[in-house]
Amino acid sequence: MLEIRPADAGDVAAVLGLFDRAVEWLVARGQTGQWGDQPWTGDPDRTALIERLTAAGGARVAVLDDRIVGSISLGKAPDYVPPATVSELYVEALVTDRAHKGRGIGSALLQQARDEALAAGVTQLRVDCWAGANGALIRYYEREGFTRDTEFVVADHPRGPWHGQVLVQPLRPENPSPRSPISARDGR
């Protein structure tokens, strides 16, 4: 059964490992534009990022068979994204273990984000993602009920201009999810 729980400082190494495996998977497909081609573990800036997201209180981990298989961090939009015009919760980071692809872990983490956003009384969930790889990641978020909002470029990115897409999902208490992902409560 999949469990989603708040992340703590003891989870930082496991979350960095998720990013390491995701980078390895992306590199094998020639897609280094999203997160580069180097492991996150051992990178002081990326370690500090995961520590900051965890300490901020919005990080959650998905646990399956006592192993962390996904992570989502919820908070505020980064400076490079246009500010929201309504109340929102922002998906700062989402990563899942590629060894469990197709098991609905990302969907369950996004449902957790929806549930928390609705409980907080905000009216939308937003996320940004890499716009490369022919828009595959954008299409993933669209399947999760998000719609395209703003395109942007981070010109001063360390690996050169980084093209991204902001996506938005309006939230209504009577219809919080576009589909029925794995439930964080019952494992379906």
C-alpha atoms as a PDB file:
ATOM      1  CA  MET A   1       0.000   0.000   0.000  1.00  0.00           C
ATOM      2  CA  LEU A   2       1.255   3.450  -0.919  1.00  0.00           C
ATOM      3  CA  GLU A   3       1.552   5.845   1.997  1.00  0.00           C
ATOM      4  CA  ILE A   4       2.093   9.585   1.664  1.00  0.00           C
ATOM      5  CA  ARG A   5       3.562  11.366   4.649  1.00  0.00           C
ATOM      6  CA  PRO A   6       5.363  14.617   5.459  1.00  0.00           C
ATOM      7  CA  ALA A   7       9.066  14.491   4.646  1.00  0.00           C
ATOM      8  CA  ASP A   8      11.655  15.155   7.315  1.00  0.00           C
ATOM      9  CA  ALA A   9      15.402  15.764   7.414  1.00  0.00           C
ATOM     10  CA  GLY A  10      16.021  12.008   7.484  1.00  0.00           C
ATOM     11  CA  ASP A  11      14.453  11.727   4.010  1.00  0.00           C
ATOM     12  CA  VAL A  12      16.809  14.134   2.219  1.00  0.00           C
ATOM     13  CA  ALA A  13      19.244  11.431   1.033  1.00  0.00           C
ATOM     14  CA  ALA A  14      16.408   9.269  -0.312  1.00  0.00           C
ATOM     15  CA  VAL A  15      14.854  12.210  -2.182  1.00  0.00           C
ATOM     16  CA  LEU A  16      18.240  13.122  -3.665  1.00  0.00           C
ATOM     17  CA  GLY A  17      18.480   9.477  -4.770  1.00  0.00           C
ATOM     18  CA  LEU A  18      15.122   9.802  -6.559  1.00  0.00           C
ATOM     19  CA  PHE A  19      16.498  12.759  -8.487  1.00  0.00           C
ATOM     20  CA  ASP A  20      19.725  10.840  -9.234  1.00  0.00           C
ATOM     21  CA  ARG A  21      17.757   7.977 -10.773  1.00  0.00           C
ATOM     22  CA  ALA A  22      15.522  10.387 -12.690  1.00  0.00           C
ATOM     23  CA  VAL A  23      18.584  12.166 -14.119  1.00  0.00           C
ATOM     24  CA  GLU A  24      20.095   8.811 -15.074  1.00  0.00           C
ATOM     25  CA  TRP A  25      16.839   7.851 -16.836  1.00  0.00           C
ATOM     26  CA  LEU A  26      16.677  11.203 -18.658  1.00  0.00           C
ATOM     27  CA  VAL A  27      20.342  11.042 -19.728  1.00  0.00           C
ATOM     28  CA  ALA A  28      19.776   7.560 -21.164  1.00  0.00           C
ATOM     29  CA  ARG A  29      17.118   9.146 -23.374  1.00  0.00           C
ATOM     30  CA  GLY A  30      19.267  12.131 -24.375  1.00  0.00           C
ATOM     31  CA  GLN A  31      17.096  14.526 -22.348  1.00  0.00           C
ATOM     32  CA  THR A  32      19.601  16.487 -20.282  1.00  0.00           C
ATOM     33  CA  GLY A  33      17.690  19.771 -20.571  1.00  0.00           C
ATOM     34  CA  GLN A  34      15.420  19.123 -17.613  1.00  0.00           C
ATOM     35  CA  TRP A  35      17.816  18.442 -14.725  1.00  0.00           C
ATOM     36  CA  GLY A  36      21.203  18.175 -16.429  1.00  0.00           C
ATOM     37  CA  ASP A  37      23.412  15.121 -16.597  1.00  0.00           C
ATOM     38  CA  GLN A  38      24.938  14.976 -13.125  1.00  0.00           C
ATOM     39  CA  PRO A  39      23.658  13.278  -9.955  1.00  0.00           C
ATOM     40  CA  TRP A  40      22.022  15.461  -7.346  1.00  0.00           C
ATOM     41  CA  THR A  41      23.669  13.569  -4.503  1.00  0.00           C
ATOM     42  CA  GLY A  42      26.901  15.314  -3.610  1.00  0.00           C
ATOM     43  CA  ASP A  43      25.918  18.610  -5.289  1.00  0.00           C
ATOM     44  CA  PRO A  44      25.888  21.208  -2.482  1.00  0.00           C
ATOM     45  CA  ASP A  45      23.356  23.486  -4.201  1.00  0.00           C
ATOM     46  CA  ARG A  46      20.890  20.702  -4.928  1.00  0.00           C
ATOM     47  CA  THR A  47      21.330  19.206  -1.469  1.00  0.00           C
ATOM     48  CA  ALA A  48      20.622  22.657   0.004  1.00  0.00           C
ATOM     49  CA  LEU A  49      17.513  22.931  -2.195  1.00  0.00           C
ATOM     50  CA  ILE A  50      16.076  19.619  -0.962  1.00  0.00           C
ATOM     51  CA  GLU A  51      16.972  20.504   2.637  1.00  0.00           C
ATOM     52  CA  ARG A  52      15.238  23.903   2.230  1.00  0.00           C
ATOM     53  CA  LEU A  53      12.112  22.370   0.690  1.00  0.00           C
ATOM     54  CA  THR A  54      11.961  19.768   3.460  1.00  0.00           C
ATOM     55  CA  ALA A  55      12.518  22.326   6.242  1.00  0.00           C
ATOM     56  CA  ALA A  56       9.807  24.600   4.802  1.00  0.00           C
ATOM     57  CA  GLY A  57       7.211  21.969   5.704  1.00  0.00           C
ATOM     58  CA  GLY A  58       5.638  21.412   2.281  1.00  0.00           C
ATOM     59  CA  ALA A  59       7.597  18.318   1.272  1.00  0.00           C
ATOM     60  CA  ARG A  60       5.808  14.978   1.156  1.00  0.00           C
ATOM     61  CA  VAL A  61       7.150  11.534   0.329  1.00  0.00           C
ATOM     62  CA  ALA A  62       5.394   8.509  -1.105  1.00  0.00           C
ATOM     63  CA  VAL A  63       6.429   5.270   0.601  1.00  0.00           C
ATOM     64  CA  LEU A  64       5.849   1.809  -0.848  1.00  0.00           C
ATOM     65  CA  ASP A  65       7.089  -1.298   0.941  1.00  0.00           C
ATOM     66  CA  ASP A  66       9.121   0.855   3.354  1.00  0.00           C
ATOM     67  CA  ARG A  67      10.938   2.587   0.478  1.00  0.00           C
ATOM     68  CA  ILE A  68      10.557   6.202  -0.643  1.00  0.00           C
ATOM     69  CA  VAL A  69       9.336   6.046  -4.255  1.00  0.00           C
ATOM     70  CA  GLY A  70       8.250   9.635  -4.840  1.00  0.00           C
ATOM     71  CA  SER A  71       8.358  13.150  -3.492  1.00  0.00           C
ATOM     72  CA  ILE A  72       6.426  16.383  -3.956  1.00  0.00           C
ATOM     73  CA  SER A  73       7.171  19.788  -2.491  1.00  0.00           C
ATOM     74  CA  LEU A  74       4.408  22.340  -2.114  1.00  0.00           C
ATOM     75  CA  GLY A  75       4.807  26.034  -1.465  1.00  0.00           C
ATOM     76  CA  LYS A  76       5.082  29.275  -3.419  1.00  0.00           C
ATOM     77  CA  ALA A  77       5.867  30.029  -7.045  1.00  0.00           C
ATOM     78  CA  PRO A  78       9.515  30.761  -7.842  1.00  0.00           C
ATOM     79  CA  ASP A  79      10.587  34.268  -8.897  1.00  0.00           C
ATOM     80  CA  TYR A  80      10.851  33.327 -12.590  1.00  0.00           C
ATOM     81  CA  VAL A  81       7.116  32.503 -12.774  1.00  0.00           C
ATOM     82  CA  PRO A  82       4.515  35.268 -13.128  1.00  0.00           C
ATOM     83  CA  PRO A  83       2.667  35.844  -9.860  1.00  0.00           C
ATOM     84  CA  ALA A  84      -0.742  34.277  -9.398  1.00  0.00           C
ATOM     85  CA  THR A  85      -3.839  36.416  -9.591  1.00  0.00           C
ATOM     86  CA  VAL A  86      -5.771  34.133  -7.204  1.00  0.00           C
ATOM     87  CA  SER A  87      -4.859  32.130  -4.102  1.00  0.00           C
ATOM     88  CA  GLU A  88      -2.796  29.066  -4.884  1.00  0.00           C
ATOM     89  CA  LEU A  89      -0.550  26.247  -3.795  1.00  0.00           C
ATOM     90  CA  TYR A  90       2.472  25.719  -6.019  1.00  0.00           C
ATOM     91  CA  VAL A  91       4.130  22.397  -6.848  1.00  0.00           C
ATOM     92  CA  GLU A  92       7.791  23.284  -6.385  1.00  0.00           C
ATOM     93  CA  ALA A  93       9.132  19.822  -7.220  1.00  0.00           C
ATOM     94  CA  LEU A  94       7.761  16.418  -8.164  1.00  0.00           C
ATOM     95  CA  VAL A  95       9.831  13.289  -8.741  1.00  0.00           C
ATOM     96  CA  THR A  96       9.048   9.584  -8.755  1.00  0.00           C
ATOM     97  CA  ASP A  97      11.160   6.466  -8.913  1.00  0.00           C
ATOM     98  CA  ARG A  98      11.329   5.332 -12.542  1.00  0.00           C
ATOM     99  CA  ALA A  99      11.462   1.711 -11.339  1.00  0.00           C
ATOM    100  CA  HIS A 100       7.795   2.146 -10.375  1.00  0.00           C
ATOM    101  CA  LYS A 101       6.670   3.948 -13.541  1.00  0.00           C
ATOM    102  CA  GLY A 102       2.994   3.458 -14.303  1.00  0.00           C
ATOM    103  CA  ARG A 103       1.974   2.704 -10.707  1.00  0.00           C
ATOM    104  CA  GLY A 104       0.216   6.067 -10.200  1.00  0.00           C
ATOM    105  CA  ILE A 105       2.707   7.466  -7.698  1.00  0.00           C
ATOM    106  CA  GLY A 106       2.885  10.889  -9.362  1.00  0.00           C
ATOM    107  CA  SER A 107      -0.919  10.963  -9.589  1.00  0.00           C
ATOM    108  CA  ALA A 108      -1.218  10.134  -5.892  1.00  0.00           C
ATOM    109  CA  LEU A 109       1.239  12.883  -4.954  1.00  0.00           C
ATOM    110  CA  LEU A 110      -0.654  15.405  -7.101  1.00  0.00           C
ATOM    111  CA  GLN A 111      -3.915  14.299  -5.466  1.00  0.00           C
ATOM    112  CA  GLN A 112      -2.279  14.947  -2.096  1.00  0.00           C
ATOM    113  CA  ALA A 113      -1.446  18.449  -3.348  1.00  0.00           C
ATOM    114  CA  ARG A 114      -5.069  18.979  -4.454  1.00  0.00           C
ATOM    115  CA  ASP A 115      -6.372  17.780  -1.108  1.00  0.00           C
ATOM    116  CA  GLU A 116      -4.033  20.081   0.816  1.00  0.00           C
ATOM    117  CA  ALA A 117      -4.843  23.032  -1.439  1.00  0.00           C
ATOM    118  CA  LEU A 118      -8.582  22.507  -0.969  1.00  0.00           C
ATOM    119  CA  ALA A 119      -8.130  22.165   2.806  1.00  0.00           C
ATOM    120  CA  ALA A 120      -6.218  25.458   2.807  1.00  0.00           C
ATOM    121  CA  GLY A 121      -9.029  27.127   0.866  1.00  0.00           C
ATOM    122  CA  VAL A 122      -6.932  28.098  -2.146  1.00  0.00           C
ATOM    123  CA  THR A 123      -8.497  28.227  -5.587  1.00  0.00           C
ATOM    124  CA  GLN A 124      -5.772  26.810  -7.792  1.00  0.00           C
ATOM    125  CA  LEU A 125      -2.794  24.500  -8.012  1.00  0.00           C
ATOM    126  CA  ARG A 126       0.068  25.540 -10.285  1.00  0.00           C
ATOM    127  CA  VAL A 127       3.256  23.873 -11.464  1.00  0.00           C
ATOM    128  CA  ASP A 128       6.000  24.627 -13.931  1.00  0.00           C
ATOM    129  CA  CYS A 129       8.009  22.140 -15.907  1.00  0.00           C
ATOM    130  CA  TRP A 130      10.617  21.768 -18.590  1.00  0.00           C
ATOM    131  CA  ALA A 131       9.110  22.351 -22.025  1.00  0.00           C
ATOM    132  CA  GLY A 132      11.635  20.175 -23.899  1.00  0.00           C
ATOM    133  CA  ALA A 133      11.412  16.555 -25.071  1.00  0.00           C
ATOM    134  CA  ASN A 134       8.605  17.513 -27.440  1.00  0.00           C
ATOM    135  CA  GLY A 135       6.436  18.575 -24.493  1.00  0.00           C
ATOM    136  CA  ALA A 136       6.146  15.108 -22.925  1.00  0.00           C
ATOM    137  CA  LEU A 137       6.158  16.472 -19.372  1.00  0.00           C
ATOM    138  CA  ILE A 138       3.607  19.130 -20.285  1.00  0.00           C
ATOM    139  CA  ARG A 139       1.324  16.430 -21.649  1.00  0.00           C
ATOM    140  CA  TYR A 140       1.731  14.444 -18.398  1.00  0.00           C
ATOM    141  CA  TYR A 141       0.441  17.401 -16.388  1.00  0.00           C
ATOM    142  CA  GLU A 142      -2.387  17.921 -18.874  1.00  0.00           C
ATOM    143  CA  ARG A 143      -3.450  14.303 -18.325  1.00  0.00           C
ATOM    144  CA  GLU A 144      -3.493  15.162 -14.616  1.00  0.00           C
ATOM    145  CA  GLY A 145      -6.031  17.937 -15.243  1.00  0.00           C
ATOM    146  CA  PHE A 146      -3.739  20.956 -15.635  1.00  0.00           C
ATOM    147  CA  THR A 147      -3.962  23.402 -18.531  1.00  0.00           C
ATOM    148  CA  ARG A 148      -1.179  25.404 -20.122  1.00  0.00           C
ATOM    149  CA  ASP A 149      -0.831  28.932 -18.849  1.00  0.00           C
ATOM    150  CA  THR A 150       2.417  30.833 -19.403  1.00  0.00           C
ATOM    151  CA  GLU A 151       5.570  29.886 -21.291  1.00  0.00           C
ATOM    152  CA  PHE A 152       8.822  31.283 -19.948  1.00  0.00           C
ATOM    153  CA  VAL A 153      12.599  31.166 -20.387  1.00  0.00           C
ATOM    154  CA  VAL A 154      15.139  31.301 -17.573  1.00  0.00           C
ATOM    155  CA  ALA A 155      17.879  33.086 -19.528  1.00  0.00           C
ATOM    156  CA  ASP A 156      20.552  32.926 -16.810  1.00  0.00           C
ATOM    157  CA  HIS A 157      20.182  29.202 -16.124  1.00  0.00           C
ATOM    158  CA  PRO A 158      23.570  27.500 -15.451  1.00  0.00           C
ATOM    159  CA  ARG A 159      23.149  25.191 -18.461  1.00  0.00           C
ATOM    160  CA  GLY A 160      21.953  27.901 -20.844  1.00  0.00           C
ATOM    161  CA  PRO A 161      18.431  29.137 -21.520  1.00  0.00           C
ATOM    162  CA  TRP A 162      15.868  26.852 -19.867  1.00  0.00           C
ATOM    163  CA  HIS A 163      12.459  26.770 -21.542  1.00  0.00           C
ATOM    164  CA  GLY A 164       9.541  26.115 -19.255  1.00  0.00           C
ATOM    165  CA  GLN A 165       5.775  25.976 -19.116  1.00  0.00           C
ATOM    166  CA  VAL A 166       3.490  27.016 -16.259  1.00  0.00           C
ATOM    167  CA  LEU A 167       0.355  24.909 -15.921  1.00  0.00           C
ATOM    168  CA  VAL A 168      -2.667  25.615 -13.759  1.00  0.00           C
ATOM    169  CA  GLN A 169      -5.495  23.561 -12.287  1.00  0.00           C
ATOM    170  CA  PRO A 170      -8.486  25.410 -10.847  1.00  0.00           C
ATOM    171  CA  LEU A 171      -9.811  23.743  -7.715  1.00  0.00           C
ATOM    172  CA  ARG A 172     -13.446  23.378  -6.759  1.00  0.00           C
ATOM    173  CA  PRO A 173     -14.491  21.481  -3.646  1.00  0.00           C
ATOM    174  CA  GLU A 174     -17.219  19.628  -5.527  1.00  0.00           C
ATOM    175  CA  ASN A 175     -14.769  18.281  -8.153  1.00  0.00           C
ATOM    176  CA  PRO A 176     -11.223  18.140  -6.742  1.00  0.00           C
ATOM    177  CA  SER A 177      -9.690  15.645  -9.180  1.00  0.00           C
ATOM    178  CA  PRO A 178      -9.977  15.000 -12.919  1.00  0.00           C
ATOM    179  CA  ARG A 179      -9.288  11.293 -12.442  1.00  0.00           C
ATOM    180  CA  SER A 180      -9.084   8.738  -9.696  1.00  0.00           C
ATOM    181  CA  PRO A 181      -5.391   8.156  -8.853  1.00  0.00           C
ATOM    182  CA  ILE A 182      -4.068   5.820  -6.201  1.00  0.00           C
ATOM    183  CA  SER A 183      -5.551   6.905  -2.920  1.00  0.00           C
ATOM    184  CA  ALA A 184      -3.054   7.892  -0.273  1.00  0.00           C
ATOM    185  CA  ARG A 185      -5.438   6.317   2.213  1.00  0.00           C
ATOM    186  CA  ASP A 186      -6.415   3.001   0.708  1.00  0.00           C
ATOM    187  CA  GLY A 187      -3.708   2.180  -1.829  1.00  0.00           C
ATOM    188  CA  ARG A 188      -5.957   1.882  -4.882  1.00  0.00           C
END
